[in-house]
Amino acid sequence: MSFIDYTVKNEIGILTLNRPEKRNALHPDLVEEMKNRLHEIENNNDVKILILTGKGSAFCAGADLAYLNSIKNFSILENKNDSQSLADLFLKLYHYPKPIIGAINGPAIAGGCGLASVCDFLVADEQNAKFGYTEVKIGFLASIVSIFLIKRIGHHRAKQLLISGMIIDSNEALRIGLIDYFSKDVLKDSLELAGKIKTNSAISMNTTKKMISEISNMNVDEAVEYCIQLNTISRSTKDFFEGLNNFLNRKNKKHE
């Protein structure tokens, strides 16, 4: 059985976590399959946008309970390797060259909330989506996922979620900037959003994602110098020449 379903519709890839009986909980096999699938999609130029969602009533309920119970007997090295594997998935998604829309169909808890936080856009079900980092309730740490949460909503609000372990609804998630849109049909609305975004230059979108990630760790002078280089390079691409010509032609037609 595959833990990941994958389909493509009009240059939009839909990646679905497929463990509905386990509320799409994170398991090492699911994590590895997802990383492999992401690698395949990354090199497919026919896919411009990726949607990440869950099958059934949950987006992702966090760690698999049976697997979580087994780590009690892990050695230090086994725990490190397990953490590294999960971190690799989050980094893969965070640095992914294609825009990712999270279609949050239900609860996104602990690692599942971390999975949502690395998406570029979040469309959440206004009734069923829930968000929370409950690791502190069992003496665990939301350590890896905290990095991406802080980047998304800032230190102060991230601290409140991580220390309290509170689960919040879509209204509160929107208020603090964790999600971007409400929806009554997350997949439908995510496909509509993806349809609008995919008309943009793939090169420009991919470079913009990388640029934002890079300059967030630079001082202003370094960031400006880096962006000058990006601007210079972008002006020699095929997408730029075609896009500029199309734009100028539309402008000229309006003035005829």
C-alpha atoms as a PDB file:
ATOM      1  CA  MET A   1       0.000   0.000   0.000  1.00  0.00           C
ATOM      2  CA  SER A   2       1.217   3.463  -0.895  1.00  0.00           C
ATOM      3  CA  PHE A   3       1.219   6.055   1.881  1.00  0.00           C
ATOM      4  CA  ILE A   4       1.204   8.876  -0.675  1.00  0.00           C
ATOM      5  CA  ASP A   5      -1.328   9.414  -3.476  1.00  0.00           C
ATOM      6  CA  TYR A   6      -0.256  11.608  -6.367  1.00  0.00           C
ATOM      7  CA  THR A   7      -2.198  13.032  -9.309  1.00  0.00           C
ATOM      8  CA  VAL A   8      -1.630  15.869 -11.794  1.00  0.00           C
ATOM      9  CA  LYS A   9      -4.300  18.248 -13.110  1.00  0.00           C
ATOM     10  CA  ASN A  10      -3.410  20.997 -15.573  1.00  0.00           C
ATOM     11  CA  GLU A  11       0.218  21.414 -14.421  1.00  0.00           C
ATOM     12  CA  ILE A  12      -0.845  21.190 -10.755  1.00  0.00           C
ATOM     13  CA  GLY A  13       0.437  18.253  -8.721  1.00  0.00           C
ATOM     14  CA  ILE A  14      -1.732  16.998  -5.836  1.00  0.00           C
ATOM     15  CA  LEU A  15       0.154  15.119  -3.138  1.00  0.00           C
ATOM     16  CA  THR A  16      -2.192  13.404  -0.662  1.00  0.00           C
ATOM     17  CA  LEU A  17      -1.173  11.793   2.628  1.00  0.00           C
ATOM     18  CA  ASN A  18      -2.865   8.402   2.452  1.00  0.00           C
ATOM     19  CA  ARG A  19      -3.171   6.929   5.947  1.00  0.00           C
ATOM     20  CA  PRO A  20      -6.753   7.968   6.761  1.00  0.00           C
ATOM     21  CA  GLU A  21      -7.203   5.118   9.253  1.00  0.00           C
ATOM     22  CA  LYS A  22      -4.267   6.625  11.220  1.00  0.00           C
ATOM     23  CA  ARG A  23      -5.333  10.232  10.603  1.00  0.00           C
ATOM     24  CA  ASN A  24      -2.377  10.497   8.206  1.00  0.00           C
ATOM     25  CA  ALA A  25       0.083  10.260  11.102  1.00  0.00           C
ATOM     26  CA  LEU A  26       3.765  10.602  10.281  1.00  0.00           C
ATOM     27  CA  HIS A  27       5.532   7.258  10.037  1.00  0.00           C
ATOM     28  CA  PRO A  28       9.106   6.647   8.762  1.00  0.00           C
ATOM     29  CA  ASP A  29       7.774   4.803   5.703  1.00  0.00           C
ATOM     30  CA  LEU A  30       5.427   7.684   4.857  1.00  0.00           C
ATOM     31  CA  VAL A  31       8.252  10.203   5.358  1.00  0.00           C
ATOM     32  CA  GLU A  32      10.608   8.306   3.038  1.00  0.00           C
ATOM     33  CA  GLU A  33       7.948   7.797   0.375  1.00  0.00           C
ATOM     34  CA  MET A  34       7.059  11.474   0.497  1.00  0.00           C
ATOM     35  CA  LYS A  35      10.691  12.563   0.094  1.00  0.00           C
ATOM     36  CA  ASN A  36      11.108  10.240  -2.890  1.00  0.00           C
ATOM     37  CA  ARG A  37       7.926  11.525  -4.503  1.00  0.00           C
ATOM     38  CA  LEU A  38       8.952  15.139  -3.948  1.00  0.00           C
ATOM     39  CA  HIS A  39      12.275  14.426  -5.669  1.00  0.00           C
ATOM     40  CA  GLU A  40      10.457  13.020  -8.713  1.00  0.00           C
ATOM     41  CA  ILE A  41       8.081  15.994  -8.943  1.00  0.00           C
ATOM     42  CA  GLU A  42      10.919  18.482  -8.534  1.00  0.00           C
ATOM     43  CA  ASN A  43      12.445  17.326 -11.813  1.00  0.00           C
ATOM     44  CA  ASN A  44       9.133  17.290 -13.705  1.00  0.00           C
ATOM     45  CA  ASN A  45       8.795  20.522 -15.680  1.00  0.00           C
ATOM     46  CA  ASP A  46       5.168  19.702 -16.478  1.00  0.00           C
ATOM     47  CA  VAL A  47       4.232  20.412 -12.843  1.00  0.00           C
ATOM     48  CA  LYS A  48       4.369  24.102 -11.849  1.00  0.00           C
ATOM     49  CA  ILE A  49       2.484  24.101  -8.544  1.00  0.00           C
ATOM     50  CA  LEU A  50       2.136  21.480  -5.809  1.00  0.00           C
ATOM     51  CA  ILE A  51      -0.853  21.002  -3.480  1.00  0.00           C
ATOM     52  CA  LEU A  52      -0.359  19.069  -0.245  1.00  0.00           C
ATOM     53  CA  THR A  53      -3.426  17.650   1.511  1.00  0.00           C
ATOM     54  CA  GLY A  54      -4.659  14.690   3.561  1.00  0.00           C
ATOM     55  CA  LYS A  55      -7.111  11.896   2.840  1.00  0.00           C
ATOM     56  CA  GLY A  56     -10.066  11.473   5.169  1.00  0.00           C
ATOM     57  CA  SER A  57     -10.973  13.671   8.114  1.00  0.00           C
ATOM     58  CA  ALA A  58      -7.474  14.838   9.119  1.00  0.00           C
ATOM     59  CA  PHE A  59      -4.610  16.616   7.404  1.00  0.00           C
ATOM     60  CA  CYS A  60      -1.951  15.068   9.634  1.00  0.00           C
ATOM     61  CA  ALA A  61      -2.304  14.154  13.315  1.00  0.00           C
ATOM     62  CA  GLY A  62       1.431  14.218  14.038  1.00  0.00           C
ATOM     63  CA  ALA A  63       3.579  11.230  14.959  1.00  0.00           C
ATOM     64  CA  ASP A  64       2.294   7.688  14.559  1.00  0.00           C
ATOM     65  CA  LEU A  65       1.375   6.470  18.074  1.00  0.00           C
ATOM     66  CA  ALA A  66       2.693   2.924  17.647  1.00  0.00           C
ATOM     67  CA  TYR A  67       5.978   4.233  16.276  1.00  0.00           C
ATOM     68  CA  LEU A  68       6.136   6.877  19.017  1.00  0.00           C
ATOM     69  CA  ASN A  69       5.852   4.092  21.588  1.00  0.00           C
ATOM     70  CA  SER A  70       8.736   2.203  19.972  1.00  0.00           C
ATOM     71  CA  ILE A  71      11.202   5.093  20.274  1.00  0.00           C
ATOM     72  CA  LYS A  72      11.334   4.515  24.035  1.00  0.00           C
ATOM     73  CA  ASN A  73      13.848   1.778  23.229  1.00  0.00           C
ATOM     74  CA  PHE A  74      15.872   3.765  20.686  1.00  0.00           C
ATOM     75  CA  SER A  75      19.559   4.419  21.176  1.00  0.00           C
ATOM     76  CA  ILE A  76      20.905   7.981  20.980  1.00  0.00           C
ATOM     77  CA  LEU A  77      22.087   7.311  17.423  1.00  0.00           C
ATOM     78  CA  GLU A  78      18.701   5.902  16.383  1.00  0.00           C
ATOM     79  CA  ASN A  79      16.929   8.958  17.816  1.00  0.00           C
ATOM     80  CA  LYS A  80      19.332  11.268  15.989  1.00  0.00           C
ATOM     81  CA  ASN A  81      18.832   9.459  12.673  1.00  0.00           C
ATOM     82  CA  ASP A  82      15.061   9.511  13.117  1.00  0.00           C
ATOM     83  CA  SER A  83      15.105  13.256  13.834  1.00  0.00           C
ATOM     84  CA  GLN A  84      17.381  13.837  10.854  1.00  0.00           C
ATOM     85  CA  SER A  85      15.027  12.011   8.498  1.00  0.00           C
ATOM     86  CA  LEU A  86      12.064  14.141   9.570  1.00  0.00           C
ATOM     87  CA  ALA A  87      14.147  17.318   9.415  1.00  0.00           C
ATOM     88  CA  ASP A  88      15.179  16.421   5.864  1.00  0.00           C
ATOM     89  CA  LEU A  89      11.501  16.271   4.866  1.00  0.00           C
ATOM     90  CA  PHE A  90      10.713  19.683   6.364  1.00  0.00           C
ATOM     91  CA  LEU A  91      13.799  21.230   4.748  1.00  0.00           C
ATOM     92  CA  LYS A  92      12.919  19.618   1.417  1.00  0.00           C
ATOM     93  CA  LEU A  93       9.473  21.236   1.532  1.00  0.00           C
ATOM     94  CA  TYR A  94      10.729  24.580   2.842  1.00  0.00           C
ATOM     95  CA  HIS A  95      13.364  24.904   0.100  1.00  0.00           C
ATOM     96  CA  TYR A  96      11.219  23.285  -2.599  1.00  0.00           C
ATOM     97  CA  PRO A  97      11.608  25.127  -5.926  1.00  0.00           C
ATOM     98  CA  LYS A  98       7.918  24.882  -6.818  1.00  0.00           C
ATOM     99  CA  PRO A  99       5.252  26.814  -4.860  1.00  0.00           C
ATOM    100  CA  ILE A 100       3.392  24.592  -2.386  1.00  0.00           C
ATOM    101  CA  ILE A 101      -0.214  25.133  -1.311  1.00  0.00           C
ATOM    102  CA  GLY A 102      -1.321  23.341   1.836  1.00  0.00           C
ATOM    103  CA  ALA A 103      -4.979  22.301   1.584  1.00  0.00           C
ATOM    104  CA  ILE A 104      -5.650  21.738   5.277  1.00  0.00           C
ATOM    105  CA  ASN A 105      -8.764  19.571   5.280  1.00  0.00           C
ATOM    106  CA  GLY A 106      -8.754  18.752   9.005  1.00  0.00           C
ATOM    107  CA  PRO A 107      -6.585  18.756  12.140  1.00  0.00           C
ATOM    108  CA  ALA A 108      -2.875  19.523  11.655  1.00  0.00           C
ATOM    109  CA  ILE A 109      -1.304  18.644  14.982  1.00  0.00           C
ATOM    110  CA  ALA A 110       2.313  18.556  16.226  1.00  0.00           C
ATOM    111  CA  GLY A 111       4.455  17.336  13.285  1.00  0.00           C
ATOM    112  CA  GLY A 112       1.383  17.731  11.083  1.00  0.00           C
ATOM    113  CA  CYS A 113       1.223  21.397  11.998  1.00  0.00           C
ATOM    114  CA  GLY A 114       4.919  21.613  11.192  1.00  0.00           C
ATOM    115  CA  LEU A 115       4.172  20.065   7.809  1.00  0.00           C
ATOM    116  CA  ALA A 116       1.579  22.759   7.175  1.00  0.00           C
ATOM    117  CA  SER A 117       3.900  25.561   8.299  1.00  0.00           C
ATOM    118  CA  VAL A 118       6.482  24.863   5.569  1.00  0.00           C
ATOM    119  CA  CYS A 119       3.913  25.371   2.777  1.00  0.00           C
ATOM    120  CA  ASP A 120       3.946  28.698   0.921  1.00  0.00           C
ATOM    121  CA  PHE A 121       0.153  29.150   1.057  1.00  0.00           C
ATOM    122  CA  LEU A 122      -2.316  27.615   3.497  1.00  0.00           C
ATOM    123  CA  VAL A 123      -5.993  27.123   2.657  1.00  0.00           C
ATOM    124  CA  ALA A 124      -7.792  25.746   5.710  1.00  0.00           C
ATOM    125  CA  ASP A 125     -11.233  24.238   6.201  1.00  0.00           C
ATOM    126  CA  GLU A 126     -13.092  26.826   8.249  1.00  0.00           C
ATOM    127  CA  GLN A 127     -14.957  24.214  10.316  1.00  0.00           C
ATOM    128  CA  ASN A 128     -12.705  21.174  10.563  1.00  0.00           C
ATOM    129  CA  ALA A 129      -9.117  22.440  10.476  1.00  0.00           C
ATOM    130  CA  LYS A 130      -7.346  22.658  13.832  1.00  0.00           C
ATOM    131  CA  PHE A 131      -3.750  23.583  14.597  1.00  0.00           C
ATOM    132  CA  GLY A 132      -1.491  22.946  17.554  1.00  0.00           C
ATOM    133  CA  TYR A 133       1.904  21.880  18.844  1.00  0.00           C
ATOM    134  CA  THR A 134       1.017  19.449  21.632  1.00  0.00           C
ATOM    135  CA  GLU A 135       4.497  17.988  22.143  1.00  0.00           C
ATOM    136  CA  VAL A 136       4.957  19.676  25.555  1.00  0.00           C
ATOM    137  CA  LYS A 137       1.983  17.740  26.936  1.00  0.00           C
ATOM    138  CA  ILE A 138       3.989  14.495  26.788  1.00  0.00           C
ATOM    139  CA  GLY A 139       7.387  15.878  27.737  1.00  0.00           C
ATOM    140  CA  PHE A 140       8.491  16.073  24.109  1.00  0.00           C
ATOM    141  CA  LEU A 141       9.881  19.068  22.190  1.00  0.00           C
ATOM    142  CA  ALA A 142       8.506  20.667  19.051  1.00  0.00           C
ATOM    143  CA  SER A 143      12.093  21.479  18.236  1.00  0.00           C
ATOM    144  CA  ILE A 144      12.522  20.996  14.483  1.00  0.00           C
ATOM    145  CA  VAL A 145       9.080  22.352  13.586  1.00  0.00           C
ATOM    146  CA  SER A 146       9.555  25.399  15.840  1.00  0.00           C
ATOM    147  CA  ILE A 147      12.122  26.801  13.395  1.00  0.00           C
ATOM    148  CA  PHE A 148       9.562  27.046  10.618  1.00  0.00           C
ATOM    149  CA  LEU A 149       6.751  28.232  12.885  1.00  0.00           C
ATOM    150  CA  ILE A 150       8.891  31.157  14.106  1.00  0.00           C
ATOM    151  CA  LYS A 151       9.624  32.130  10.512  1.00  0.00           C
ATOM    152  CA  ARG A 152       5.926  32.041   9.712  1.00  0.00           C
ATOM    153  CA  ILE A 153       4.358  33.897  12.657  1.00  0.00           C
ATOM    154  CA  GLY A 154       7.251  35.414  14.649  1.00  0.00           C
ATOM    155  CA  HIS A 155       8.903  34.613  17.984  1.00  0.00           C
ATOM    156  CA  HIS A 156       6.227  35.858  20.388  1.00  0.00           C
ATOM    157  CA  ARG A 157       3.218  34.091  18.917  1.00  0.00           C
ATOM    158  CA  ALA A 158       5.240  30.958  18.213  1.00  0.00           C
ATOM    159  CA  LYS A 159       6.349  30.912  21.864  1.00  0.00           C
ATOM    160  CA  GLN A 160       2.728  31.017  23.032  1.00  0.00           C
ATOM    161  CA  LEU A 161       1.707  28.073  20.824  1.00  0.00           C
ATOM    162  CA  LEU A 162       4.782  25.987  21.623  1.00  0.00           C
ATOM    163  CA  ILE A 163       4.724  26.496  25.409  1.00  0.00           C
ATOM    164  CA  SER A 164       0.951  26.219  25.895  1.00  0.00           C
ATOM    165  CA  GLY A 165       0.368  23.250  23.601  1.00  0.00           C
ATOM    166  CA  MET A 166      -3.027  24.808  22.841  1.00  0.00           C
ATOM    167  CA  ILE A 167      -5.027  23.697  19.825  1.00  0.00           C
ATOM    168  CA  ILE A 168      -6.532  26.607  17.889  1.00  0.00           C
ATOM    169  CA  ASP A 169      -9.237  26.792  15.232  1.00  0.00           C
ATOM    170  CA  SER A 170      -9.066  28.376  11.785  1.00  0.00           C
ATOM    171  CA  ASN A 171     -10.296  31.750  13.035  1.00  0.00           C
ATOM    172  CA  GLU A 172      -7.411  32.094  15.474  1.00  0.00           C
ATOM    173  CA  ALA A 173      -4.944  30.624  12.967  1.00  0.00           C
ATOM    174  CA  LEU A 174      -5.943  33.294  10.453  1.00  0.00           C
ATOM    175  CA  ARG A 175      -5.695  36.050  13.068  1.00  0.00           C
ATOM    176  CA  ILE A 176      -2.103  35.185  13.985  1.00  0.00           C
ATOM    177  CA  GLY A 177      -1.017  34.639  10.378  1.00  0.00           C
ATOM    178  CA  LEU A 178      -0.581  30.878  10.511  1.00  0.00           C
ATOM    179  CA  ILE A 179      -3.027  30.328   7.622  1.00  0.00           C
ATOM    180  CA  ASP A 180      -3.876  32.502   4.639  1.00  0.00           C
ATOM    181  CA  TYR A 181      -7.438  31.605   3.613  1.00  0.00           C
ATOM    182  CA  PHE A 182     -10.652  30.061   4.937  1.00  0.00           C
ATOM    183  CA  SER A 183     -12.480  27.572   2.754  1.00  0.00           C
ATOM    184  CA  LYS A 184     -15.550  25.348   2.657  1.00  0.00           C
ATOM    185  CA  ASP A 185     -13.835  23.141   0.046  1.00  0.00           C
ATOM    186  CA  VAL A 186     -10.070  23.264   0.489  1.00  0.00           C
ATOM    187  CA  LEU A 187      -9.109  21.194  -2.548  1.00  0.00           C
ATOM    188  CA  LYS A 188     -11.398  23.129  -4.896  1.00  0.00           C
ATOM    189  CA  ASP A 189     -10.177  26.492  -3.619  1.00  0.00           C
ATOM    190  CA  SER A 190      -6.535  25.354  -3.602  1.00  0.00           C
ATOM    191  CA  LEU A 191      -6.849  24.277  -7.241  1.00  0.00           C
ATOM    192  CA  GLU A 192      -8.362  27.663  -8.071  1.00  0.00           C
ATOM    193  CA  LEU A 193      -5.502  29.462  -6.308  1.00  0.00           C
ATOM    194  CA  ALA A 194      -2.952  27.243  -8.043  1.00  0.00           C
ATOM    195  CA  GLY A 195      -4.579  27.997 -11.397  1.00  0.00           C
ATOM    196  CA  LYS A 196      -3.990  31.713 -10.856  1.00  0.00           C
ATOM    197  CA  ILE A 197      -0.406  31.290  -9.674  1.00  0.00           C
ATOM    198  CA  LYS A 198       0.693  28.896 -12.407  1.00  0.00           C
ATOM    199  CA  THR A 199       0.404  31.600 -15.083  1.00  0.00           C
ATOM    200  CA  ASN A 200       3.501  33.216 -13.551  1.00  0.00           C
ATOM    201  CA  SER A 201       7.000  32.426 -14.749  1.00  0.00           C
ATOM    202  CA  ALA A 202       8.210  29.182 -13.155  1.00  0.00           C
ATOM    203  CA  ILE A 203      11.776  30.499 -13.071  1.00  0.00           C
ATOM    204  CA  SER A 204      10.691  33.724 -11.368  1.00  0.00           C
ATOM    205  CA  MET A 205       8.582  31.918  -8.756  1.00  0.00           C
ATOM    206  CA  ASN A 206      11.336  29.436  -7.975  1.00  0.00           C
ATOM    207  CA  THR A 207      14.008  32.145  -7.732  1.00  0.00           C
ATOM    208  CA  THR A 208      11.735  34.303  -5.556  1.00  0.00           C
ATOM    209  CA  LYS A 209      11.326  31.447  -3.072  1.00  0.00           C
ATOM    210  CA  LYS A 210      15.087  30.969  -2.903  1.00  0.00           C
ATOM    211  CA  MET A 211      15.690  34.719  -2.639  1.00  0.00           C
ATOM    212  CA  ILE A 212      13.349  35.132   0.340  1.00  0.00           C
ATOM    213  CA  SER A 213      14.984  32.208   2.132  1.00  0.00           C
ATOM    214  CA  GLU A 214      18.495  33.553   1.514  1.00  0.00           C
ATOM    215  CA  ILE A 215      17.995  37.226   2.348  1.00  0.00           C
ATOM    216  CA  SER A 216      16.247  36.443   5.641  1.00  0.00           C
ATOM    217  CA  ASN A 217      19.668  35.460   7.007  1.00  0.00           C
ATOM    218  CA  MET A 218      21.605  38.445   5.592  1.00  0.00           C
ATOM    219  CA  ASN A 219      22.134  42.003   6.733  1.00  0.00           C
ATOM    220  CA  VAL A 220      20.685  44.742   4.519  1.00  0.00           C
ATOM    221  CA  ASP A 221      23.887  45.459   2.586  1.00  0.00           C
ATOM    222  CA  GLU A 222      24.492  41.775   1.839  1.00  0.00           C
ATOM    223  CA  ALA A 223      20.865  41.314   0.825  1.00  0.00           C
ATOM    224  CA  VAL A 224      20.949  44.262  -1.590  1.00  0.00           C
ATOM    225  CA  GLU A 225      24.135  42.978  -3.226  1.00  0.00           C
ATOM    226  CA  TYR A 226      22.645  39.501  -3.552  1.00  0.00           C
ATOM    227  CA  CYS A 227      19.444  40.877  -5.092  1.00  0.00           C
ATOM    228  CA  ILE A 228      21.392  43.002  -7.587  1.00  0.00           C
ATOM    229  CA  GLN A 229      22.993  39.780  -8.822  1.00  0.00           C
ATOM    230  CA  LEU A 230      19.614  38.067  -9.069  1.00  0.00           C
ATOM    231  CA  ASN A 231      18.135  41.007 -10.996  1.00  0.00           C
ATOM    232  CA  THR A 232      21.028  40.931 -13.432  1.00  0.00           C
ATOM    233  CA  ILE A 233      20.684  37.194 -14.036  1.00  0.00           C
ATOM    234  CA  SER A 234      16.886  37.327 -14.375  1.00  0.00           C
ATOM    235  CA  ARG A 235      17.114  39.852 -17.209  1.00  0.00           C
ATOM    236  CA  SER A 236      18.872  37.328 -19.427  1.00  0.00           C
ATOM    237  CA  THR A 237      16.301  34.531 -19.125  1.00  0.00           C
ATOM    238  CA  LYS A 238      13.913  33.363 -21.821  1.00  0.00           C
ATOM    239  CA  ASP A 239      10.968  33.919 -19.464  1.00  0.00           C
ATOM    240  CA  PHE A 240      11.928  37.574 -19.020  1.00  0.00           C
ATOM    241  CA  PHE A 241      12.164  38.303 -22.763  1.00  0.00           C
ATOM    242  CA  GLU A 242       8.895  36.519 -23.527  1.00  0.00           C
ATOM    243  CA  GLY A 243       7.090  38.072 -20.566  1.00  0.00           C
ATOM    244  CA  LEU A 244       8.328  41.574 -21.329  1.00  0.00           C
ATOM    245  CA  ASN A 245       7.388  41.313 -25.010  1.00  0.00           C
ATOM    246  CA  ASN A 246       3.896  40.072 -24.130  1.00  0.00           C
ATOM    247  CA  PHE A 247       3.451  42.888 -21.605  1.00  0.00           C
ATOM    248  CA  LEU A 248       4.600  45.591 -24.036  1.00  0.00           C
ATOM    249  CA  ASN A 249       2.433  44.208 -26.830  1.00  0.00           C
ATOM    250  CA  ARG A 250      -0.653  44.346 -24.590  1.00  0.00           C
ATOM    251  CA  LYS A 251       0.174  47.920 -23.607  1.00  0.00           C
ATOM    252  CA  ASN A 252       0.660  48.949 -27.246  1.00  0.00           C
ATOM    253  CA  LYS A 253      -2.671  47.416 -28.286  1.00  0.00           C
ATOM    254  CA  LYS A 254      -4.465  49.399 -25.557  1.00  0.00           C
ATOM    255  CA  HIS A 255      -3.096  52.657 -26.978  1.00  0.00           C
ATOM    256  CA  GLU A 256      -3.867  51.915 -30.633  1.00  0.00           C
END
